[in-house]
Structures are given as structure tokens and as C-alpha cells.
Amino acid sequence: MEYLEILIAAVAAFLLGFLWYTALFGKVWQSETGITDEDASTGIALTHGTAFIMMLLIASTINMIINMHELHEQTLVHGAFHGAMMAAFVAIPLLVIHYMYQKKSLKLILIDGTYSLVFFSLIGAVLGALNL
């Protein structure tokens, strides 16, 4: 069942990314990055495939952290907590470092940083909820 949980969490994260970078912040994100619709559609299979593999890796890592706790502690909230902590102390600081050197806007940092927090929290919440 553990592999199925990781797959479900990665699919949930992938759907979040679709929603985040289309309906919610798509146009603003494209404007801030300079990526056109044509750029976004070039190599889409490779981009999405690679992204999904990375999501599986992230879900596997968060799952290892959650599984360090007793089974009765592994809940939706517990998983979301560990995902949020991973985002807050690893993913977002790394993103900010890269974006500061690349001279990216605060708006882009906020869009991608908040996405990272929600993304990691969602993966953790799904894994925690499914570990029951």
C-alpha cells in the first residue's frame, strides 16, 4: 500500500500545480518569468514527466519522515505539519536563494514560495491521511 499512497500524493500535488499555474496564478506567473504560451507548450511531455518523477521523490521523502512516528500519530494534520516544515526549512529557503541570485521579483518568490508550502503540506496531508 505504501507505493500507492506515494502515487496518490504525487497525483494530488500534480493537480495542485496544474490549478496553481493555470487558473490561480498562470498569467501573473508567466508575466513574471517571461514564459510565453508557446514556451510553456514546448517539450511539455518532458517537463511534466520530469516534474511528476520529482513529485514521487518528494512524496517518498515526506513519507519516510511520517513513518518515523507511531502509526496512531500518522494523521492528515501530522502529515501536513511535516510537509509544511520541509517546505519552510528546505524548499522555500533554497527557492529564495536561487531567485535572489537570479534577480527575480518578490511577486514570483511569493507565488512559487507559497506554492511550495501548499504543495509540501498537501503531499504530507495525503500521506498522513492514507497511513491509517
N, C-alpha and C. Protein backbone atom coordinates (compact mmCIF):
# COMPACT_ATOMS: atom_id res chain seq x y z
N MET A 1 0.83 -1.20 0.00
CA MET A 1 0.00 0.00 0.00
C MET A 1 0.87 1.26 0.00
N GLU A 2 2.07 1.19 0.55
CA GLU A 2 2.92 2.38 0.67
C GLU A 2 3.18 3.04 -0.69
N TYR A 3 3.40 2.25 -1.73
CA TYR A 3 3.66 2.81 -3.05
C TYR A 3 2.43 3.50 -3.62
N LEU A 4 1.26 2.95 -3.33
CA LEU A 4 0.02 3.55 -3.79
C LEU A 4 -0.20 4.90 -3.10
N GLU A 5 0.10 4.97 -1.81
CA GLU A 5 -0.02 6.24 -1.08
C GLU A 5 0.87 7.31 -1.69
N ILE A 6 2.09 6.94 -2.02
CA ILE A 6 3.04 7.88 -2.63
C ILE A 6 2.53 8.33 -3.99
N LEU A 7 2.02 7.41 -4.77
CA LEU A 7 1.47 7.75 -6.08
C LEU A 7 0.27 8.69 -5.96
N ILE A 8 -0.63 8.41 -5.03
CA ILE A 8 -1.80 9.27 -4.83
C ILE A 8 -1.37 10.67 -4.40
N ALA A 9 -0.40 10.76 -3.50
CA ALA A 9 0.09 12.06 -3.05
C ALA A 9 0.73 12.84 -4.20
N ALA A 10 1.49 12.15 -5.05
CA ALA A 10 2.12 12.81 -6.19
C ALA A 10 1.08 13.28 -7.20
N VAL A 11 0.05 12.51 -7.42
CA VAL A 11 -1.03 12.92 -8.34
C VAL A 11 -1.75 14.15 -7.78
N ALA A 12 -2.02 14.15 -6.48
CA ALA A 12 -2.66 15.31 -5.85
C ALA A 12 -1.79 16.56 -6.01
N ALA A 13 -0.49 16.41 -5.83
CA ALA A 13 0.44 17.54 -5.98
C ALA A 13 0.48 18.01 -7.43
N PHE A 14 0.46 17.07 -8.35
CA PHE A 14 0.48 17.42 -9.78
C PHE A 14 -0.77 18.21 -10.13
N LEU A 15 -1.92 17.79 -9.64
CA LEU A 15 -3.17 18.51 -9.90
C LEU A 15 -3.14 19.90 -9.26
N LEU A 16 -2.56 20.01 -8.06
CA LEU A 16 -2.40 21.32 -7.44
C LEU A 16 -1.56 22.24 -8.33
N GLY A 17 -0.46 21.71 -8.85
CA GLY A 17 0.39 22.51 -9.73
C GLY A 17 -0.35 22.97 -10.96
N PHE A 18 -1.16 22.10 -11.54
CA PHE A 18 -1.96 22.47 -12.71
C PHE A 18 -2.88 23.64 -12.36
N LEU A 19 -3.59 23.52 -11.25
CA LEU A 19 -4.51 24.57 -10.81
C LEU A 19 -3.76 25.87 -10.49
N TRP A 20 -2.67 25.76 -9.78
CA TRP A 20 -1.89 26.91 -9.31
C TRP A 20 -1.34 27.72 -10.49
N TYR A 21 -0.77 26.99 -11.46
CA TYR A 21 -0.07 27.66 -12.56
C TYR A 21 -0.92 27.83 -13.81
N THR A 22 -2.23 27.59 -13.68
CA THR A 22 -3.15 27.93 -14.77
C THR A 22 -4.20 28.90 -14.23
N ALA A 23 -5.20 28.38 -13.58
CA ALA A 23 -6.34 29.20 -13.15
C ALA A 23 -5.99 30.24 -12.09
N LEU A 24 -5.18 29.86 -11.10
CA LEU A 24 -4.93 30.78 -9.99
C LEU A 24 -3.88 31.85 -10.30
N PHE A 25 -2.71 31.46 -10.77
CA PHE A 25 -1.62 32.42 -10.96
C PHE A 25 -0.93 32.31 -12.32
N GLY A 26 -1.53 31.60 -13.26
CA GLY A 26 -0.89 31.32 -14.53
C GLY A 26 -0.39 32.53 -15.28
N LYS A 27 -1.25 33.50 -15.50
CA LYS A 27 -0.87 34.68 -16.29
C LYS A 27 0.15 35.54 -15.56
N VAL A 28 -0.03 35.72 -14.27
CA VAL A 28 0.93 36.51 -13.49
C VAL A 28 2.28 35.80 -13.47
N TRP A 29 2.26 34.48 -13.26
CA TRP A 29 3.50 33.71 -13.23
C TRP A 29 4.21 33.80 -14.58
N GLN A 30 3.47 33.67 -15.67
CA GLN A 30 4.08 33.78 -16.99
C GLN A 30 4.68 35.16 -17.20
N SER A 31 3.98 36.18 -16.77
CA SER A 31 4.49 37.54 -16.90
C SER A 31 5.78 37.74 -16.11
N GLU A 32 5.82 37.20 -14.90
CA GLU A 32 6.98 37.36 -14.03
C GLU A 32 8.19 36.54 -14.52
N THR A 33 7.93 35.42 -15.17
CA THR A 33 9.02 34.58 -15.65
C THR A 33 9.41 34.89 -17.09
N GLY A 34 8.51 35.55 -17.82
CA GLY A 34 8.77 35.84 -19.23
C GLY A 34 8.48 34.65 -20.13
N ILE A 35 7.83 33.64 -19.61
CA ILE A 35 7.49 32.45 -20.39
C ILE A 35 6.19 32.70 -21.15
N THR A 36 6.22 32.50 -22.45
CA THR A 36 5.04 32.67 -23.28
C THR A 36 4.24 31.37 -23.32
N ASP A 37 3.02 31.44 -23.87
CA ASP A 37 2.22 30.22 -24.04
C ASP A 37 2.96 29.22 -24.91
N GLU A 38 3.63 29.73 -25.94
CA GLU A 38 4.39 28.86 -26.84
C GLU A 38 5.55 28.19 -26.09
N ASP A 39 6.29 28.99 -25.30
CA ASP A 39 7.38 28.42 -24.49
C ASP A 39 6.87 27.33 -23.56
N ALA A 40 5.71 27.60 -22.93
CA ALA A 40 5.15 26.67 -21.95
C ALA A 40 4.75 25.34 -22.60
N SER A 41 4.35 25.39 -23.86
CA SER A 41 3.90 24.17 -24.52
C SER A 41 5.04 23.39 -25.19
N THR A 42 6.22 23.98 -25.27
CA THR A 42 7.36 23.30 -25.87
C THR A 42 7.93 22.27 -24.90
N GLY A 43 8.07 21.04 -25.35
CA GLY A 43 8.64 19.98 -24.52
C GLY A 43 7.79 19.64 -23.31
N ILE A 44 6.49 19.78 -23.46
CA ILE A 44 5.58 19.63 -22.31
C ILE A 44 5.62 18.22 -21.71
N ALA A 45 5.78 17.21 -22.54
CA ALA A 45 5.82 15.83 -22.02
C ALA A 45 7.06 15.63 -21.14
N LEU A 46 8.19 16.12 -21.58
CA LEU A 46 9.42 16.01 -20.79
C LEU A 46 9.30 16.81 -19.50
N THR A 47 8.76 18.02 -19.60
CA THR A 47 8.61 18.87 -18.42
C THR A 47 7.69 18.23 -17.39
N HIS A 48 6.51 17.82 -17.83
CA HIS A 48 5.54 17.22 -16.90
C HIS A 48 6.02 15.87 -16.39
N GLY A 49 6.64 15.09 -17.25
CA GLY A 49 7.16 13.78 -16.82
C GLY A 49 8.23 13.92 -15.76
N THR A 50 9.16 14.84 -15.99
CA THR A 50 10.23 15.08 -15.02
C THR A 50 9.65 15.61 -13.71
N ALA A 51 8.71 16.54 -13.82
CA ALA A 51 8.07 17.10 -12.63
C ALA A 51 7.39 16.00 -11.82
N PHE A 52 6.69 15.11 -12.49
CA PHE A 52 5.98 14.04 -11.77
C PHE A 52 6.96 13.10 -11.08
N ILE A 53 8.05 12.79 -11.72
CA ILE A 53 9.07 11.94 -11.09
C ILE A 53 9.63 12.63 -9.84
N MET A 54 9.86 13.93 -9.92
CA MET A 54 10.35 14.67 -8.75
C MET A 54 9.30 14.70 -7.65
N MET A 55 8.03 14.77 -8.03
CA MET A 55 6.95 14.74 -7.03
C MET A 55 6.91 13.39 -6.32
N LEU A 56 7.15 12.32 -7.07
CA LEU A 56 7.23 10.99 -6.44
C LEU A 56 8.39 10.93 -5.45
N LEU A 57 9.52 11.51 -5.81
CA LEU A 57 10.68 11.54 -4.93
C LEU A 57 10.39 12.33 -3.65
N ILE A 58 9.76 13.49 -3.82
CA ILE A 58 9.40 14.32 -2.67
C ILE A 58 8.40 13.58 -1.77
N ALA A 59 7.39 12.97 -2.38
CA ALA A 59 6.40 12.23 -1.60
C ALA A 59 7.06 11.07 -0.85
N SER A 60 8.00 10.40 -1.48
CA SER A 60 8.71 9.30 -0.81
C SER A 60 9.48 9.80 0.40
N THR A 61 10.10 10.95 0.27
CA THR A 61 10.88 11.53 1.36
C THR A 61 9.99 11.93 2.52
N ILE A 62 8.89 12.62 2.21
CA ILE A 62 7.96 13.02 3.27
C ILE A 62 7.36 11.78 3.94
N ASN A 63 7.09 10.75 3.15
CA ASN A 63 6.54 9.52 3.71
C ASN A 63 7.52 8.87 4.68
N MET A 64 8.81 8.91 4.37
CA MET A 64 9.82 8.35 5.29
C MET A 64 9.79 9.09 6.62
N ILE A 65 9.65 10.42 6.55
CA ILE A 65 9.61 11.22 7.78
C ILE A 65 8.36 10.88 8.60
N ILE A 66 7.22 10.82 7.93
CA ILE A 66 5.96 10.49 8.62
C ILE A 66 6.06 9.11 9.26
N ASN A 67 6.66 8.17 8.56
CA ASN A 67 6.74 6.79 9.05
C ASN A 67 7.71 6.63 10.22
N MET A 68 8.44 7.67 10.58
CA MET A 68 9.30 7.61 11.76
C MET A 68 8.47 7.71 13.04
N HIS A 69 7.20 8.03 12.89
CA HIS A 69 6.30 8.18 14.04
C HIS A 69 5.41 6.95 14.18
N GLU A 70 4.87 6.78 15.36
CA GLU A 70 3.94 5.68 15.62
C GLU A 70 2.74 5.81 14.67
N LEU A 71 2.15 4.68 14.31
CA LEU A 71 1.05 4.66 13.36
C LEU A 71 -0.12 5.53 13.83
N HIS A 72 -0.42 5.51 15.12
CA HIS A 72 -1.56 6.30 15.61
C HIS A 72 -1.30 7.81 15.52
N GLU A 73 -0.05 8.22 15.36
CA GLU A 73 0.29 9.64 15.20
C GLU A 73 0.22 10.10 13.75
N GLN A 74 0.14 9.16 12.82
CA GLN A 74 0.18 9.48 11.40
C GLN A 74 -1.21 9.87 10.92
N THR A 75 -1.48 11.17 10.96
CA THR A 75 -2.79 11.69 10.57
C THR A 75 -2.61 12.73 9.47
N LEU A 76 -3.72 13.20 8.95
CA LEU A 76 -3.71 14.24 7.95
C LEU A 76 -2.96 15.48 8.47
N VAL A 77 -3.29 15.90 9.66
CA VAL A 77 -2.67 17.10 10.25
C VAL A 77 -1.18 16.87 10.51
N HIS A 78 -0.84 15.70 11.01
CA HIS A 78 0.56 15.36 11.28
C HIS A 78 1.36 15.37 9.99
N GLY A 79 0.81 14.78 8.94
CA GLY A 79 1.49 14.76 7.65
C GLY A 79 1.64 16.15 7.07
N ALA A 80 0.57 16.95 7.16
CA ALA A 80 0.63 18.33 6.65
C ALA A 80 1.70 19.13 7.40
N PHE A 81 1.80 18.90 8.71
CA PHE A 81 2.82 19.57 9.52
C PHE A 81 4.22 19.25 9.00
N HIS A 82 4.50 17.97 8.78
CA HIS A 82 5.84 17.60 8.31
C HIS A 82 6.09 18.14 6.90
N GLY A 83 5.09 18.13 6.05
CA GLY A 83 5.25 18.72 4.72
C GLY A 83 5.54 20.20 4.80
N ALA A 84 4.78 20.90 5.66
CA ALA A 84 4.98 22.35 5.82
C ALA A 84 6.37 22.66 6.36
N MET A 85 6.83 21.86 7.32
CA MET A 85 8.17 22.09 7.88
C MET A 85 9.25 21.85 6.83
N MET A 86 9.07 20.84 6.00
CA MET A 86 10.04 20.57 4.93
C MET A 86 10.08 21.74 3.95
N ALA A 87 8.91 22.28 3.64
CA ALA A 87 8.85 23.43 2.74
C ALA A 87 9.49 24.65 3.39
N ALA A 88 9.10 24.92 4.63
CA ALA A 88 9.56 26.14 5.32
C ALA A 88 11.06 26.15 5.58
N PHE A 89 11.65 24.99 5.85
CA PHE A 89 13.05 24.95 6.23
C PHE A 89 14.00 24.44 5.16
N VAL A 90 13.46 23.91 4.05
CA VAL A 90 14.32 23.41 2.98
C VAL A 90 13.95 24.02 1.63
N ALA A 91 12.75 23.76 1.17
CA ALA A 91 12.36 24.15 -0.20
C ALA A 91 12.32 25.67 -0.39
N ILE A 92 11.63 26.37 0.50
CA ILE A 92 11.47 27.81 0.32
C ILE A 92 12.81 28.55 0.48
N PRO A 93 13.61 28.25 1.49
CA PRO A 93 14.91 28.93 1.55
C PRO A 93 15.77 28.70 0.30
N LEU A 94 15.76 27.49 -0.23
CA LEU A 94 16.51 27.21 -1.46
C LEU A 94 15.95 28.02 -2.63
N LEU A 95 14.63 28.07 -2.74
CA LEU A 95 13.99 28.85 -3.80
C LEU A 95 14.38 30.33 -3.68
N VAL A 96 14.33 30.86 -2.48
CA VAL A 96 14.68 32.27 -2.27
C VAL A 96 16.14 32.54 -2.63
N ILE A 97 17.03 31.66 -2.24
CA ILE A 97 18.44 31.82 -2.60
C ILE A 97 18.60 31.90 -4.11
N HIS A 98 18.02 30.93 -4.82
CA HIS A 98 18.13 30.92 -6.28
C HIS A 98 17.52 32.17 -6.90
N TYR A 99 16.34 32.54 -6.44
CA TYR A 99 15.65 33.69 -7.03
C TYR A 99 16.36 35.01 -6.73
N MET A 100 16.99 35.12 -5.59
CA MET A 100 17.72 36.35 -5.27
C MET A 100 18.92 36.50 -6.21
N TYR A 101 19.65 35.41 -6.44
CA TYR A 101 20.77 35.48 -7.36
C TYR A 101 20.32 35.70 -8.80
N GLN A 102 19.14 35.21 -9.14
CA GLN A 102 18.62 35.39 -10.49
C GLN A 102 17.88 36.71 -10.65
N LYS A 103 17.83 37.50 -9.58
CA LYS A 103 17.18 38.82 -9.59
C LYS A 103 15.70 38.73 -9.95
N LYS A 104 15.03 37.69 -9.44
CA LYS A 104 13.60 37.51 -9.68
C LYS A 104 12.81 38.43 -8.77
N SER A 105 11.58 38.68 -9.15
CA SER A 105 10.73 39.61 -8.41
C SER A 105 10.19 39.00 -7.12
N LEU A 106 9.83 39.86 -6.19
CA LEU A 106 9.20 39.42 -4.95
C LEU A 106 7.88 38.73 -5.27
N LYS A 107 7.18 39.21 -6.27
CA LYS A 107 5.91 38.61 -6.67
C LYS A 107 6.10 37.15 -7.07
N LEU A 108 7.15 36.87 -7.84
CA LEU A 108 7.43 35.50 -8.26
C LEU A 108 7.85 34.65 -7.06
N ILE A 109 8.65 35.22 -6.17
CA ILE A 109 9.04 34.49 -4.95
C ILE A 109 7.81 34.12 -4.14
N LEU A 110 6.87 35.04 -4.02
CA LEU A 110 5.65 34.77 -3.26
C LEU A 110 4.78 33.72 -3.94
N ILE A 111 4.63 33.79 -5.25
CA ILE A 111 3.83 32.80 -5.97
C ILE A 111 4.44 31.41 -5.81
N ASP A 112 5.72 31.29 -6.11
CA ASP A 112 6.37 29.98 -6.06
C ASP A 112 6.62 29.50 -4.63
N GLY A 113 6.93 30.42 -3.73
CA GLY A 113 7.16 30.04 -2.34
C GLY A 113 5.88 29.56 -1.67
N THR A 114 4.78 30.26 -1.91
CA THR A 114 3.50 29.83 -1.34
C THR A 114 3.07 28.51 -1.95
N TYR A 115 3.30 28.36 -3.26
CA TYR A 115 3.01 27.08 -3.91
C TYR A 115 3.79 25.97 -3.23
N SER A 116 5.05 26.19 -2.96
CA SER A 116 5.88 25.17 -2.31
C SER A 116 5.30 24.77 -0.96
N LEU A 117 4.87 25.75 -0.20
CA LEU A 117 4.31 25.47 1.12
C LEU A 117 3.02 24.65 1.00
N VAL A 118 2.13 25.05 0.11
CA VAL A 118 0.88 24.32 -0.08
C VAL A 118 1.16 22.93 -0.66
N PHE A 119 2.06 22.85 -1.63
CA PHE A 119 2.45 21.61 -2.29
C PHE A 119 2.96 20.58 -1.28
N PHE A 120 3.94 20.96 -0.46
CA PHE A 120 4.52 20.05 0.52
C PHE A 120 3.50 19.67 1.59
N SER A 121 2.69 20.65 2.01
CA SER A 121 1.66 20.37 3.01
C SER A 121 0.62 19.40 2.47
N LEU A 122 0.22 19.59 1.22
CA LEU A 122 -0.75 18.69 0.61
C LEU A 122 -0.21 17.27 0.53
N ILE A 123 1.01 17.12 0.07
CA ILE A 123 1.61 15.78 -0.02
C ILE A 123 1.63 15.14 1.37
N GLY A 124 2.09 15.88 2.36
CA GLY A 124 2.13 15.34 3.71
C GLY A 124 0.75 14.99 4.24
N ALA A 125 -0.23 15.84 3.98
CA ALA A 125 -1.60 15.59 4.45
C ALA A 125 -2.17 14.32 3.82
N VAL A 126 -1.97 14.16 2.54
CA VAL A 126 -2.46 12.95 1.84
C VAL A 126 -1.78 11.71 2.41
N LEU A 127 -0.47 11.77 2.56
CA LEU A 127 0.26 10.61 3.10
C LEU A 127 -0.15 10.29 4.52
N GLY A 128 -0.28 11.32 5.33
CA GLY A 128 -0.70 11.11 6.72
C GLY A 128 -2.10 10.53 6.81
N ALA A 129 -3.00 11.03 5.98
CA ALA A 129 -4.37 10.53 6.00
C ALA A 129 -4.45 9.08 5.51
N LEU A 130 -3.63 8.74 4.54
CA LEU A 130 -3.69 7.39 3.96
C LEU A 130 -2.92 6.36 4.79
N ASN A 131 -2.11 6.79 5.74
CA ASN A 131 -1.32 5.86 6.55
C ASN A 131 -2.11 5.21 7.67
N LEU A 132 -3.37 5.51 7.76
CA LEU A 132 -4.17 4.93 8.86
C LEU A 132 -4.42 3.46 8.69
